[in-house]
Amino acid sequence: IRAVPVVSVSKASSLLREGEEFSVMCLVKDVSSSVDSMWIKENSQ
């Protein structure tokens, strides 16, 4: 069973405008889950 990464958004309480930047923090508790979180960092650039 793989652990699900805990994702927290800095502006979770407000809607984001189109094109507005936001930061995502991933707390990975499983090594195999770190692979899934890599695409988030690459797509955000």
C-alpha atoms as a PDB file:
ATOM      1  CA  ILE A   1       0.000   0.000   0.000  1.00  0.00           C
ATOM      2  CA  ARG A   2       1.458   3.319  -1.075  1.00  0.00           C
ATOM      3  CA  ALA A   3       1.193   6.385   1.116  1.00  0.00           C
ATOM      4  CA  VAL A   4      -0.610   9.395  -0.327  1.00  0.00           C
ATOM      5  CA  PRO A   5       1.450  12.609  -0.233  1.00  0.00           C
ATOM      6  CA  VAL A   6       0.007  15.390   1.899  1.00  0.00           C
ATOM      7  CA  VAL A   7      -0.460  18.413  -0.348  1.00  0.00           C
ATOM      8  CA  SER A   8      -1.068  21.889   1.031  1.00  0.00           C
ATOM      9  CA  VAL A   9      -1.822  24.956  -1.078  1.00  0.00           C
ATOM     10  CA  SER A  10      -0.830  28.399   0.173  1.00  0.00           C
ATOM     11  CA  LYS A  11      -4.075  29.962  -1.090  1.00  0.00           C
ATOM     12  CA  ALA A  12      -6.488  27.134  -0.399  1.00  0.00           C
ATOM     13  CA  SER A  13      -9.114  29.480   1.039  1.00  0.00           C
ATOM     14  CA  SER A  14      -9.282  31.694  -2.053  1.00  0.00           C
ATOM     15  CA  LEU A  15      -9.922  31.029  -5.722  1.00  0.00           C
ATOM     16  CA  LEU A  16      -6.956  31.559  -7.996  1.00  0.00           C
ATOM     17  CA  ARG A  17      -7.199  33.774 -11.051  1.00  0.00           C
ATOM     18  CA  GLU A  18      -6.105  32.263 -14.339  1.00  0.00           C
ATOM     19  CA  GLY A  19      -2.315  32.463 -14.596  1.00  0.00           C
ATOM     20  CA  GLU A  20      -1.849  33.425 -10.954  1.00  0.00           C
ATOM     21  CA  GLU A  21       1.123  31.733  -9.365  1.00  0.00           C
ATOM     22  CA  PHE A  22       0.784  29.647  -6.239  1.00  0.00           C
ATOM     23  CA  SER A  23       3.070  27.402  -4.246  1.00  0.00           C
ATOM     24  CA  VAL A  24       2.438  23.762  -3.470  1.00  0.00           C
ATOM     25  CA  MET A  25       4.116  21.945  -0.607  1.00  0.00           C
ATOM     26  CA  CYS A  26       4.284  18.160  -0.692  1.00  0.00           C
ATOM     27  CA  LEU A  27       5.125  16.152   2.401  1.00  0.00           C
ATOM     28  CA  VAL A  28       6.135  12.765   1.078  1.00  0.00           C
ATOM     29  CA  LYS A  29       5.920   9.921   3.565  1.00  0.00           C
ATOM     30  CA  ASP A  30       6.838   7.234   1.046  1.00  0.00           C
ATOM     31  CA  VAL A  31       9.815   6.999  -1.297  1.00  0.00           C
ATOM     32  CA  SER A  32       7.680   5.667  -4.154  1.00  0.00           C
ATOM     33  CA  SER A  33       5.279   8.583  -3.745  1.00  0.00           C
ATOM     34  CA  SER A  34       8.102  11.057  -4.363  1.00  0.00           C
ATOM     35  CA  VAL A  35       8.092  10.068  -8.031  1.00  0.00           C
ATOM     36  CA  ASP A  36       4.450  11.149  -8.370  1.00  0.00           C
ATOM     37  CA  SER A  37       5.173  14.525  -6.770  1.00  0.00           C
ATOM     38  CA  MET A  38       8.043  15.305  -9.157  1.00  0.00           C
ATOM     39  CA  TRP A  39       5.713  16.179 -12.067  1.00  0.00           C
ATOM     40  CA  ILE A  40       4.071  18.873  -9.937  1.00  0.00           C
ATOM     41  CA  LYS A  41       7.371  20.714  -9.528  1.00  0.00           C
ATOM     42  CA  GLU A  42       8.303  20.385 -13.217  1.00  0.00           C
ATOM     43  CA  ASN A  43       4.916  21.501 -14.553  1.00  0.00           C
ATOM     44  CA  SER A  44       4.856  24.532 -12.266  1.00  0.00           C
ATOM     45  CA  GLN A  45       7.929  26.023 -13.920  1.00  0.00           C
END
